Amino acid sequence: GTRVLSDRIIVKITQKPGESFVDRMIALVEGASRQKTPNEIALNILL
């Protein structure tokens, strides 16, 4: 998702399908994949 401004590079892809940096960032900012933390789970149990 970033842009090359000058010259030329060859890139070896390291991401797994659906697990790119952008995928994770989208899920994060939308809250879609946010897992409850241990502290939050404990508080939910108390409530």
All heavy atoms as atom14 arrays in JSON, in Angstrom:
{
  "sequence": "GTRVLSDRIIVKITQKPGESFVDRMIALVEGASRQKTPNEIALNILL",
  "atom14_mask": [
    [1, 1, 1, 1, 0, 0, 0, 0, 0, 0, 0, 0, 0, 0],
    [1, 1, 1, 1, 1, 1, 1, 0, 0, 0, 0, 0, 0, 0],
    [1, 1, 1, 1, 1, 1, 1, 1, 1, 1, 1, 0, 0, 0],
    [1, 1, 1, 1, 1, 1, 1, 0, 0, 0, 0, 0, 0, 0],
    [1, 1, 1, 1, 1, 1, 1, 1, 0, 0, 0, 0, 0, 0],
    [1, 1, 1, 1, 1, 1, 0, 0, 0, 0, 0, 0, 0, 0],
    [1, 1, 1, 1, 1, 1, 1, 1, 0, 0, 0, 0, 0, 0],
    [1, 1, 1, 1, 1, 1, 1, 1, 1, 1, 1, 0, 0, 0],
    [1, 1, 1, 1, 1, 1, 1, 1, 0, 0, 0, 0, 0, 0],
    [1, 1, 1, 1, 1, 1, 1, 1, 0, 0, 0, 0, 0, 0],
    [1, 1, 1, 1, 1, 1, 1, 0, 0, 0, 0, 0, 0, 0],
    [1, 1, 1, 1, 1, 1, 1, 1, 1, 0, 0, 0, 0, 0],
    [1, 1, 1, 1, 1, 1, 1, 1, 0, 0, 0, 0, 0, 0],
    [1, 1, 1, 1, 1, 1, 1, 0, 0, 0, 0, 0, 0, 0],
    [1, 1, 1, 1, 1, 1, 1, 1, 1, 0, 0, 0, 0, 0],
    [1, 1, 1, 1, 1, 1, 1, 1, 1, 0, 0, 0, 0, 0],
    [1, 1, 1, 1, 1, 1, 1, 0, 0, 0, 0, 0, 0, 0],
    [1, 1, 1, 1, 0, 0, 0, 0, 0, 0, 0, 0, 0, 0],
    [1, 1, 1, 1, 1, 1, 1, 1, 1, 0, 0, 0, 0, 0],
    [1, 1, 1, 1, 1, 1, 0, 0, 0, 0, 0, 0, 0, 0],
    [1, 1, 1, 1, 1, 1, 1, 1, 1, 1, 1, 0, 0, 0],
    [1, 1, 1, 1, 1, 1, 1, 0, 0, 0, 0, 0, 0, 0],
    [1, 1, 1, 1, 1, 1, 1, 1, 0, 0, 0, 0, 0, 0],
    [1, 1, 1, 1, 1, 1, 1, 1, 1, 1, 1, 0, 0, 0],
    [1, 1, 1, 1, 1, 1, 1, 1, 0, 0, 0, 0, 0, 0],
    [1, 1, 1, 1, 1, 1, 1, 1, 0, 0, 0, 0, 0, 0],
    [1, 1, 1, 1, 1, 0, 0, 0, 0, 0, 0, 0, 0, 0],
    [1, 1, 1, 1, 1, 1, 1, 1, 0, 0, 0, 0, 0, 0],
    [1, 1, 1, 1, 1, 1, 1, 0, 0, 0, 0, 0, 0, 0],
    [1, 1, 1, 1, 1, 1, 1, 1, 1, 0, 0, 0, 0, 0],
    [1, 1, 1, 1, 0, 0, 0, 0, 0, 0, 0, 0, 0, 0],
    [1, 1, 1, 1, 1, 0, 0, 0, 0, 0, 0, 0, 0, 0],
    [1, 1, 1, 1, 1, 1, 0, 0, 0, 0, 0, 0, 0, 0],
    [1, 1, 1, 1, 1, 1, 1, 1, 1, 1, 1, 0, 0, 0],
    [1, 1, 1, 1, 1, 1, 1, 1, 1, 0, 0, 0, 0, 0],
    [1, 1, 1, 1, 1, 1, 1, 1, 1, 0, 0, 0, 0, 0],
    [1, 1, 1, 1, 1, 1, 1, 0, 0, 0, 0, 0, 0, 0],
    [1, 1, 1, 1, 1, 1, 1, 0, 0, 0, 0, 0, 0, 0],
    [1, 1, 1, 1, 1, 1, 1, 1, 0, 0, 0, 0, 0, 0],
    [1, 1, 1, 1, 1, 1, 1, 1, 1, 0, 0, 0, 0, 0],
    [1, 1, 1, 1, 1, 1, 1, 1, 0, 0, 0, 0, 0, 0],
    [1, 1, 1, 1, 1, 0, 0, 0, 0, 0, 0, 0, 0, 0],
    [1, 1, 1, 1, 1, 1, 1, 1, 0, 0, 0, 0, 0, 0],
    [1, 1, 1, 1, 1, 1, 1, 1, 0, 0, 0, 0, 0, 0],
    [1, 1, 1, 1, 1, 1, 1, 1, 0, 0, 0, 0, 0, 0],
    [1, 1, 1, 1, 1, 1, 1, 1, 0, 0, 0, 0, 0, 0],
    [1, 1, 1, 1, 1, 1, 1, 1, 0, 0, 0, 0, 0, 0]
  ],
  "atom14_positions": [
    [[0.8, -1.22, 0.0], [0.0, 0.0, 0.0], [0.82, 1.26, 0.0], [0.29, 2.35, -0.16], [0.0, 0.0, 0.0], [0.0, 0.0, 0.0], [0.0, 0.0, 0.0], [0.0, 0.0, 0.0], [0.0, 0.0, 0.0], [0.0, 0.0, 0.0], [0.0, 0.0, 0.0], [0.0, 0.0, 0.0], [0.0, 0.0, 0.0], [0.0, 0.0, 0.0]],
    [[2.15, 1.15, 0.15], [3.02, 2.33, 0.08], [3.52, 2.49, -1.36], [3.49, 1.55, -2.15], [4.19, 2.21, 1.05], [4.94, 1.01, 0.76], [3.69, 2.11, 2.48], [0.0, 0.0, 0.0], [0.0, 0.0, 0.0], [0.0, 0.0, 0.0], [0.0, 0.0, 0.0], [0.0, 0.0, 0.0], [0.0, 0.0, 0.0], [0.0, 0.0, 0.0]],
    [[3.99, 3.68, -1.69], [4.34, 3.99, -3.08], [5.84, 4.23, -3.25], [6.46, 4.94, -2.44], [3.58, 5.24, -3.53], [3.87, 5.67, -4.96], [3.17, 6.98, -5.29], [1.72, 6.81, -5.29], [1.04, 6.33, -6.33], [1.68, 5.96, -7.42], [-0.27, 6.21, -6.27], [0.0, 0.0, 0.0], [0.0, 0.0, 0.0], [0.0, 0.0, 0.0]],
    [[6.41, 3.66, -4.29], [7.81, 3.9, -4.64], [7.9, 5.23, -5.38], [7.18, 5.45, -6.36], [8.36, 2.75, -5.51], [9.76, 3.1, -6.03], [8.4, 1.46, -4.71], [0.0, 0.0, 0.0], [0.0, 0.0, 0.0], [0.0, 0.0, 0.0], [0.0, 0.0, 0.0], [0.0, 0.0, 0.0], [0.0, 0.0, 0.0], [0.0, 0.0, 0.0]],
    [[8.77, 6.11, -4.9], [8.91, 7.44, -5.51], [10.03, 7.51, -6.54], [9.96, 8.31, -7.46], [9.17, 8.48, -4.41], [8.05, 8.66, -3.37], [8.47, 9.7, -2.34], [6.75, 9.07, -4.05], [0.0, 0.0, 0.0], [0.0, 0.0, 0.0], [0.0, 0.0, 0.0], [0.0, 0.0, 0.0], [0.0, 0.0, 0.0], [0.0, 0.0, 0.0]],
    [[11.05, 6.68, -6.37], [12.18, 6.74, -7.3], [12.84, 5.37, -7.42], [12.69, 4.52, -6.54], [13.22, 7.76, -6.81], [13.82, 7.32, -5.6], [0.0, 0.0, 0.0], [0.0, 0.0, 0.0], [0.0, 0.0, 0.0], [0.0, 0.0, 0.0], [0.0, 0.0, 0.0], [0.0, 0.0, 0.0], [0.0, 0.0, 0.0], [0.0, 0.0, 0.0]],
    [[13.52, 5.17, -8.51], [14.31, 3.96, -8.73], [13.43, 2.71, -8.86], [12.22, 2.81, -9.1], [15.36, 3.78, -7.62], [16.28, 4.99, -7.52], [17.02, 5.22, -8.48], [16.21, 5.7, -6.5], [0.0, 0.0, 0.0], [0.0, 0.0, 0.0], [0.0, 0.0, 0.0], [0.0, 0.0, 0.0], [0.0, 0.0, 0.0], [0.0, 0.0, 0.0]],
    [[14.04, 1.57, -8.65], [13.38, 0.29, -8.9], [13.85, -0.72, -7.86], [15.04, -0.82, -7.58], [13.75, -0.19, -10.31], [13.27, -1.59, -10.7], [13.76, -1.88, -12.12], [13.29, -3.15, -12.63], [13.93, -4.31, -12.48], [15.08, -4.34, -11.8], [13.43, -5.42, -12.98], [0.0, 0.0, 0.0], [0.0, 0.0, 0.0], [0.0, 0.0, 0.0]],
    [[12.9, -1.47, -7.28], [13.26, -2.49, -6.3], [12.55, -3.79, -6.64], [11.49, -3.8, -7.28], [12.89, -2.07, -4.86], [11.42, -1.65, -4.76], [13.82, -0.99, -4.35], [10.96, -1.33, -3.36], [0.0, 0.0, 0.0], [0.0, 0.0, 0.0], [0.0, 0.0, 0.0], [0.0, 0.0, 0.0], [0.0, 0.0, 0.0], [0.0, 0.0, 0.0]],
    [[13.16, -4.88, -6.2], [12.54, -6.2, -6.31], [12.23, -6.66, -4.89], [13.09, -6.62, -4.01], [13.47, -7.2, -7.03], [13.64, -6.76, -8.5], [12.91, -8.62, -6.96], [14.59, -7.64, -9.28], [0.0, 0.0, 0.0], [0.0, 0.0, 0.0], [0.0, 0.0, 0.0], [0.0, 0.0, 0.0], [0.0, 0.0, 0.0], [0.0, 0.0, 0.0]],
    [[10.98, -7.07, -4.68], [10.47, -7.37, -3.34], [10.03, -8.82, -3.27], [9.31, -9.31, -4.14], [9.29, -6.45, -2.98], [8.73, -6.81, -1.61], [9.72, -4.99, -3.02], [0.0, 0.0, 0.0], [0.0, 0.0, 0.0], [0.0, 0.0, 0.0], [0.0, 0.0, 0.0], [0.0, 0.0, 0.0], [0.0, 0.0, 0.0], [0.0, 0.0, 0.0]],
    [[10.46, -9.5, -2.21], [9.99, -10.86, -1.93], [8.86, -10.77, -0.92], [9.03, -10.25, 0.19], [11.13, -11.72, -1.38], [10.74, -13.18, -1.16], [11.95, -13.99, -0.71], [11.59, -15.47, -0.56], [12.76, -16.27, -0.13], [0.0, 0.0, 0.0], [0.0, 0.0, 0.0], [0.0, 0.0, 0.0], [0.0, 0.0, 0.0], [0.0, 0.0, 0.0]],
    [[7.68, -11.25, -1.27], [6.5, -11.15, -0.42], [6.66, -12.08, 0.78], [6.99, -13.26, 0.64], [5.23, -11.52, -1.21], [5.06, -10.58, -2.41], [4.01, -11.46, -0.3], [4.9, -9.13, -2.06], [0.0, 0.0, 0.0], [0.0, 0.0, 0.0], [0.0, 0.0, 0.0], [0.0, 0.0, 0.0], [0.0, 0.0, 0.0], [0.0, 0.0, 0.0]],
    [[6.41, -11.53, 1.96], [6.54, -12.32, 3.2], [5.2, -12.55, 3.89], [5.11, -13.37, 4.79], [7.48, -11.61, 4.19], [6.97, -10.3, 4.47], [8.89, -11.49, 3.63], [0.0, 0.0, 0.0], [0.0, 0.0, 0.0], [0.0, 0.0, 0.0], [0.0, 0.0, 0.0], [0.0, 0.0, 0.0], [0.0, 0.0, 0.0], [0.0, 0.0, 0.0]],
    [[4.16, -11.84, 3.48], [2.87, -11.96, 4.15], [2.15, -13.24, 3.75], [2.33, -13.76, 2.65], [1.98, -10.76, 3.8], [1.49, -10.8, 2.35], [0.73, -9.57, 1.95], [1.12, -8.46, 2.29], [-0.36, -9.74, 1.22], [0.0, 0.0, 0.0], [0.0, 0.0, 0.0], [0.0, 0.0, 0.0], [0.0, 0.0, 0.0], [0.0, 0.0, 0.0]],
    [[1.32, -13.73, 4.65], [0.43, -14.84, 4.34], [-0.89, -14.27, 3.84], [-1.24, -13.12, 4.15], [0.21, -15.69, 5.59], [1.48, -16.34, 6.11], [1.21, -17.11, 7.4], [2.5, -17.71, 7.96], [2.27, -18.4, 9.25], [0.0, 0.0, 0.0], [0.0, 0.0, 0.0], [0.0, 0.0, 0.0], [0.0, 0.0, 0.0], [0.0, 0.0, 0.0]],
    [[-1.67, -15.03, 3.07], [-2.94, -14.52, 2.55], [-3.85, -14.04, 3.68], [-4.08, -14.74, 4.67], [-3.54, -15.74, 1.84], [-2.36, -16.58, 1.46], [-1.36, -16.39, 2.56], [0.0, 0.0, 0.0], [0.0, 0.0, 0.0], [0.0, 0.0, 0.0], [0.0, 0.0, 0.0], [0.0, 0.0, 0.0], [0.0, 0.0, 0.0], [0.0, 0.0, 0.0]],
    [[-4.35, -12.81, 3.53], [-5.26, -12.26, 4.53], [-4.6, -11.78, 5.8], [-5.3, -11.36, 6.73], [0.0, 0.0, 0.0], [0.0, 0.0, 0.0], [0.0, 0.0, 0.0], [0.0, 0.0, 0.0], [0.0, 0.0, 0.0], [0.0, 0.0, 0.0], [0.0, 0.0, 0.0], [0.0, 0.0, 0.0], [0.0, 0.0, 0.0], [0.0, 0.0, 0.0]],
    [[-3.26, -11.82, 5.87], [-2.57, -11.42, 7.09], [-1.55, -10.32, 6.83], [-0.55, -10.2, 7.52], [-1.87, -12.62, 7.73], [-2.82, -13.71, 8.19], [-2.1, -14.84, 8.9], [-0.9, -14.66, 9.22], [-2.72, -15.88, 9.14], [0.0, 0.0, 0.0], [0.0, 0.0, 0.0], [0.0, 0.0, 0.0], [0.0, 0.0, 0.0], [0.0, 0.0, 0.0]],
    [[-1.82, -9.51, 5.82], [-0.91, -8.42, 5.52], [-1.01, -7.34, 6.59], [-1.94, -7.3, 7.39], [-1.22, -7.81, 4.15], [-2.43, -7.07, 4.21], [0.0, 0.0, 0.0], [0.0, 0.0, 0.0], [0.0, 0.0, 0.0], [0.0, 0.0, 0.0], [0.0, 0.0, 0.0], [0.0, 0.0, 0.0], [0.0, 0.0, 0.0], [0.0, 0.0, 0.0]],
    [[-0.04, -6.46, 6.56], [-0.01, -5.34, 7.49], [-1.29, -4.51, 7.35], [-1.91, -4.12, 8.34], [1.23, -4.5, 7.19], [1.56, -3.48, 8.22], [2.36, -3.8, 9.31], [1.08, -2.19, 8.12], [2.66, -2.86, 10.26], [1.38, -1.24, 9.07], [2.18, -1.58, 10.14], [0.0, 0.0, 0.0], [0.0, 0.0, 0.0], [0.0, 0.0, 0.0]],
    [[-1.69, -4.27, 6.1], [-2.89, -3.47, 5.84], [-4.13, -4.2, 6.35], [-5.03, -3.6, 6.93], [-3.01, -3.15, 4.34], [-4.35, -2.49, 4.04], [-1.88, -2.24, 3.91], [0.0, 0.0, 0.0], [0.0, 0.0, 0.0], [0.0, 0.0, 0.0], [0.0, 0.0, 0.0], [0.0, 0.0, 0.0], [0.0, 0.0, 0.0], [0.0, 0.0, 0.0]],
    [[-4.21, -5.52, 6.12], [-5.34, -6.31, 6.62], [-5.47, -6.17, 8.13], [-6.57, -5.96, 8.66], [-5.17, -7.79, 6.26], [-5.38, -8.05, 4.79], [-6.28, -7.41, 4.21], [-4.66, -8.88, 4.22], [0.0, 0.0, 0.0], [0.0, 0.0, 0.0], [0.0, 0.0, 0.0], [0.0, 0.0, 0.0], [0.0, 0.0, 0.0], [0.0, 0.0, 0.0]],
    [[-4.36, -6.3, 8.82], [-4.39, -6.23, 10.28], [-4.75, -4.83, 10.76], [-5.44, -4.65, 11.76], [-3.04, -6.66, 10.86], [-2.82, -8.16, 10.75], [-1.52, -8.59, 11.39], [-0.37, -8.12, 10.64], [0.89, -8.32, 11.01], [1.16, -8.96, 12.13], [1.88, -7.88, 10.27], [0.0, 0.0, 0.0], [0.0, 0.0, 0.0], [0.0, 0.0, 0.0]],
    [[-4.27, -3.82, 10.02], [-4.57, -2.44, 10.42], [-6.05, -2.14, 10.21], [-6.69, -1.48, 11.04], [-3.71, -1.47, 9.62], [-3.7, -0.07, 10.17], [-2.39, 0.93, 9.46], [-2.55, 2.42, 10.44], [0.0, 0.0, 0.0], [0.0, 0.0, 0.0], [0.0, 0.0, 0.0], [0.0, 0.0, 0.0], [0.0, 0.0, 0.0], [0.0, 0.0, 0.0]],
    [[-6.63, -2.62, 9.1], [-8.05, -2.43, 8.85], [-8.86, -3.08, 9.96], [-9.79, -2.48, 10.51], [-8.44, -3.0, 7.47], [-7.84, -2.14, 6.35], [-9.95, -3.08, 7.33], [-8.01, -2.73, 4.98], [0.0, 0.0, 0.0], [0.0, 0.0, 0.0], [0.0, 0.0, 0.0], [0.0, 0.0, 0.0], [0.0, 0.0, 0.0], [0.0, 0.0, 0.0]],
    [[-8.53, -4.32, 10.28], [-9.26, -5.03, 11.34], [-9.12, -4.31, 12.67], [-10.06, -4.25, 13.47], [-8.75, -6.46, 11.44], [0.0, 0.0, 0.0], [0.0, 0.0, 0.0], [0.0, 0.0, 0.0], [0.0, 0.0, 0.0], [0.0, 0.0, 0.0], [0.0, 0.0, 0.0], [0.0, 0.0, 0.0], [0.0, 0.0, 0.0], [0.0, 0.0, 0.0]],
    [[-7.93, -3.75, 12.9], [-7.68, -3.08, 14.18], [-8.53, -1.82, 14.31], [-9.24, -1.64, 15.3], [-6.2, -2.73, 14.3], [-5.83, -1.92, 15.54], [-5.85, -2.78, 16.77], [-4.49, -1.26, 15.36], [0.0, 0.0, 0.0], [0.0, 0.0, 0.0], [0.0, 0.0, 0.0], [0.0, 0.0, 0.0], [0.0, 0.0, 0.0], [0.0, 0.0, 0.0]],
    [[-8.45, -0.93, 13.3], [-9.12, 0.35, 13.43], [-10.63, 0.2, 13.38], [-11.37, 1.05, 13.89], [-8.63, 1.36, 12.36], [-7.17, 1.66, 12.53], [-8.91, 0.84, 10.96], [0.0, 0.0, 0.0], [0.0, 0.0, 0.0], [0.0, 0.0, 0.0], [0.0, 0.0, 0.0], [0.0, 0.0, 0.0], [0.0, 0.0, 0.0], [0.0, 0.0, 0.0]],
    [[-11.14, -0.86, 12.77], [-12.58, -1.08, 12.74], [-13.06, -1.87, 13.95], [-14.26, -2.04, 14.16], [-12.98, -1.8, 11.45], [-12.84, -0.91, 10.21], [-13.42, -1.56, 8.99], [-13.38, -2.81, 8.91], [-13.91, -0.84, 8.11], [0.0, 0.0, 0.0], [0.0, 0.0, 0.0], [0.0, 0.0, 0.0], [0.0, 0.0, 0.0], [0.0, 0.0, 0.0]],
    [[-12.13, -2.41, 14.72], [-12.51, -3.18, 15.89], [-13.04, -4.55, 15.58], [-13.57, -5.24, 16.45], [0.0, 0.0, 0.0], [0.0, 0.0, 0.0], [0.0, 0.0, 0.0], [0.0, 0.0, 0.0], [0.0, 0.0, 0.0], [0.0, 0.0, 0.0], [0.0, 0.0, 0.0], [0.0, 0.0, 0.0], [0.0, 0.0, 0.0], [0.0, 0.0, 0.0]],
    [[-12.89, -5.0, 14.32], [-13.5, -6.26, 13.91], [-12.84, -7.46, 14.56], [-13.49, -8.47, 14.83], [-13.44, -6.39, 12.38], [0.0, 0.0, 0.0], [0.0, 0.0, 0.0], [0.0, 0.0, 0.0], [0.0, 0.0, 0.0], [0.0, 0.0, 0.0], [0.0, 0.0, 0.0], [0.0, 0.0, 0.0], [0.0, 0.0, 0.0], [0.0, 0.0, 0.0]],
    [[-11.56, -7.38, 14.8], [-10.85, -8.55, 15.33], [-10.33, -8.33, 16.74], [-9.45, -9.03, 17.19], [-9.68, -8.91, 14.4], [-8.7, -7.89, 14.44], [0.0, 0.0, 0.0], [0.0, 0.0, 0.0], [0.0, 0.0, 0.0], [0.0, 0.0, 0.0], [0.0, 0.0, 0.0], [0.0, 0.0, 0.0], [0.0, 0.0, 0.0], [0.0, 0.0, 0.0]],
    [[-10.88, -7.3, 17.4], [-10.37, -6.99, 18.74], [-10.79, -8.08, 19.72], [-11.97, -8.36, 19.91], [-10.93, -5.64, 19.22], [-10.23, -5.11, 20.46], [-10.91, -3.84, 20.92], [-12.17, -4.11, 21.59], [-12.29, -4.36, 22.89], [-11.22, -4.38, 23.65], [-13.46, -4.58, 23.43], [0.0, 0.0, 0.0], [0.0, 0.0, 0.0], [0.0, 0.0, 0.0]],
    [[-9.81, -8.71, 20.33], [-10.08, -9.73, 21.33], [-10.07, -9.09, 22.71], [-9.26, -8.22, 23.0], [-9.0, -10.83, 21.26], [-8.93, -11.53, 19.91], [-10.2, -12.27, 19.58], [-10.76, -12.96, 20.42], [-10.67, -12.11, 18.34], [0.0, 0.0, 0.0], [0.0, 0.0, 0.0], [0.0, 0.0, 0.0], [0.0, 0.0, 0.0], [0.0, 0.0, 0.0]],
    [[-10.99, -9.51, 23.55], [-11.02, -8.99, 24.92], [-9.75, -9.41, 25.66], [-9.29, -10.53, 25.53], [-12.26, -9.48, 25.66], [-13.56, -8.81, 25.22], [-14.72, -9.28, 26.05], [-15.96, -8.43, 25.81], [-16.45, -8.52, 24.43], [0.0, 0.0, 0.0], [0.0, 0.0, 0.0], [0.0, 0.0, 0.0], [0.0, 0.0, 0.0], [0.0, 0.0, 0.0]],
    [[-9.22, -8.47, 26.43], [-8.0, -8.73, 27.18], [-8.35, -9.46, 28.48], [-9.51, -9.45, 28.93], [-7.28, -7.42, 27.51], [-8.14, -6.63, 28.34], [-6.99, -6.64, 26.24], [0.0, 0.0, 0.0], [0.0, 0.0, 0.0], [0.0, 0.0, 0.0], [0.0, 0.0, 0.0], [0.0, 0.0, 0.0], [0.0, 0.0, 0.0], [0.0, 0.0, 0.0]],
    [[-7.37, -10.1, 29.14], [-7.65, -10.79, 30.4], [-8.31, -9.9, 31.44], [-9.23, -10.33, 32.14], [-6.27, -11.27, 30.84], [-5.5, -11.42, 29.58], [-5.99, -10.32, 28.68], [0.0, 0.0, 0.0], [0.0, 0.0, 0.0], [0.0, 0.0, 0.0], [0.0, 0.0, 0.0], [0.0, 0.0, 0.0], [0.0, 0.0, 0.0], [0.0, 0.0, 0.0]],
    [[-7.82, -8.66, 31.55], [-8.4, -7.74, 32.52], [-9.86, -7.43, 32.19], [-10.72, -7.4, 33.06], [-7.57, -6.45, 32.54], [-8.0, -5.47, 33.61], [-9.07, -4.89, 33.51], [-7.17, -5.29, 34.62], [0.0, 0.0, 0.0], [0.0, 0.0, 0.0], [0.0, 0.0, 0.0], [0.0, 0.0, 0.0], [0.0, 0.0, 0.0], [0.0, 0.0, 0.0]],
    [[-10.12, -7.24, 30.91], [-11.48, -6.94, 30.47], [-12.4, -8.14, 30.67], [-13.56, -8.0, 31.06], [-11.44, -6.53, 28.99], [-12.71, -5.89, 28.49], [-12.56, -5.36, 27.08], [-11.42, -5.36, 26.55], [-13.58, -4.97, 26.49], [0.0, 0.0, 0.0], [0.0, 0.0, 0.0], [0.0, 0.0, 0.0], [0.0, 0.0, 0.0], [0.0, 0.0, 0.0]],
    [[-11.88, -9.33, 30.39], [-12.67, -10.56, 30.61], [-13.01, -10.71, 32.08], [-14.16, -11.03, 32.44], [-11.89, -11.79, 30.09], [-11.79, -11.74, 28.56], [-12.57, -13.08, 30.53], [-10.87, -12.8, 27.98], [0.0, 0.0, 0.0], [0.0, 0.0, 0.0], [0.0, 0.0, 0.0], [0.0, 0.0, 0.0], [0.0, 0.0, 0.0], [0.0, 0.0, 0.0]],
    [[-12.02, -10.47, 32.95], [-12.27, -10.58, 34.39], [-13.33, -9.58, 34.84], [-14.21, -9.91, 35.65], [-10.96, -10.35, 35.16], [0.0, 0.0, 0.0], [0.0, 0.0, 0.0], [0.0, 0.0, 0.0], [0.0, 0.0, 0.0], [0.0, 0.0, 0.0], [0.0, 0.0, 0.0], [0.0, 0.0, 0.0], [0.0, 0.0, 0.0], [0.0, 0.0, 0.0]],
    [[-13.27, -8.36, 34.31], [-14.26, -7.35, 34.68], [-15.64, -7.73, 34.15], [-16.66, -7.53, 34.83], [-13.84, -5.99, 34.14], [-14.64, -4.77, 34.61], [-14.74, -4.73, 36.13], [-14.01, -3.48, 34.1], [0.0, 0.0, 0.0], [0.0, 0.0, 0.0], [0.0, 0.0, 0.0], [0.0, 0.0, 0.0], [0.0, 0.0, 0.0], [0.0, 0.0, 0.0]],
    [[-15.69, -8.31, 32.95], [-16.97, -8.77, 32.41], [-17.58, -9.86, 33.29], [-18.79, -9.9, 33.51], [-16.77, -9.3, 30.99], [-17.08, -8.25, 29.93], [-18.09, -7.58, 30.0], [-16.19, -8.11, 28.96], [0.0, 0.0, 0.0], [0.0, 0.0, 0.0], [0.0, 0.0, 0.0], [0.0, 0.0, 0.0], [0.0, 0.0, 0.0], [0.0, 0.0, 0.0]],
    [[-16.72, -10.76, 33.78], [-17.21, -11.83, 34.68], [-17.77, -11.22, 35.96], [-18.83, -11.64, 36.46], [-16.08, -12.83, 34.99], [-15.7, -13.6, 33.71], [-16.49, -13.8, 36.09], [-14.46, -14.46, 33.87], [0.0, 0.0, 0.0], [0.0, 0.0, 0.0], [0.0, 0.0, 0.0], [0.0, 0.0, 0.0], [0.0, 0.0, 0.0], [0.0, 0.0, 0.0]],
    [[-17.07, -10.22, 36.51], [-17.56, -9.54, 37.71], [-18.92, -8.88, 37.46], [-19.85, -9.0, 38.27], [-16.55, -8.5, 38.18], [-16.99, -7.6, 39.34], [-17.25, -8.43, 40.59], [-15.94, -6.52, 39.61], [0.0, 0.0, 0.0], [0.0, 0.0, 0.0], [0.0, 0.0, 0.0], [0.0, 0.0, 0.0], [0.0, 0.0, 0.0], [0.0, 0.0, 0.0]],
    [[-19.04, -8.18, 36.33], [-20.29, -7.51, 36.0], [-21.42, -8.52, 35.81], [-22.56, -8.3, 36.23], [-20.13, -6.65, 34.74], [-19.12, -5.5, 34.82], [-19.11, -4.71, 33.52], [-19.42, -4.59, 35.99], [0.0, 0.0, 0.0], [0.0, 0.0, 0.0], [0.0, 0.0, 0.0], [0.0, 0.0, 0.0], [0.0, 0.0, 0.0], [0.0, 0.0, 0.0]]
  ]
}
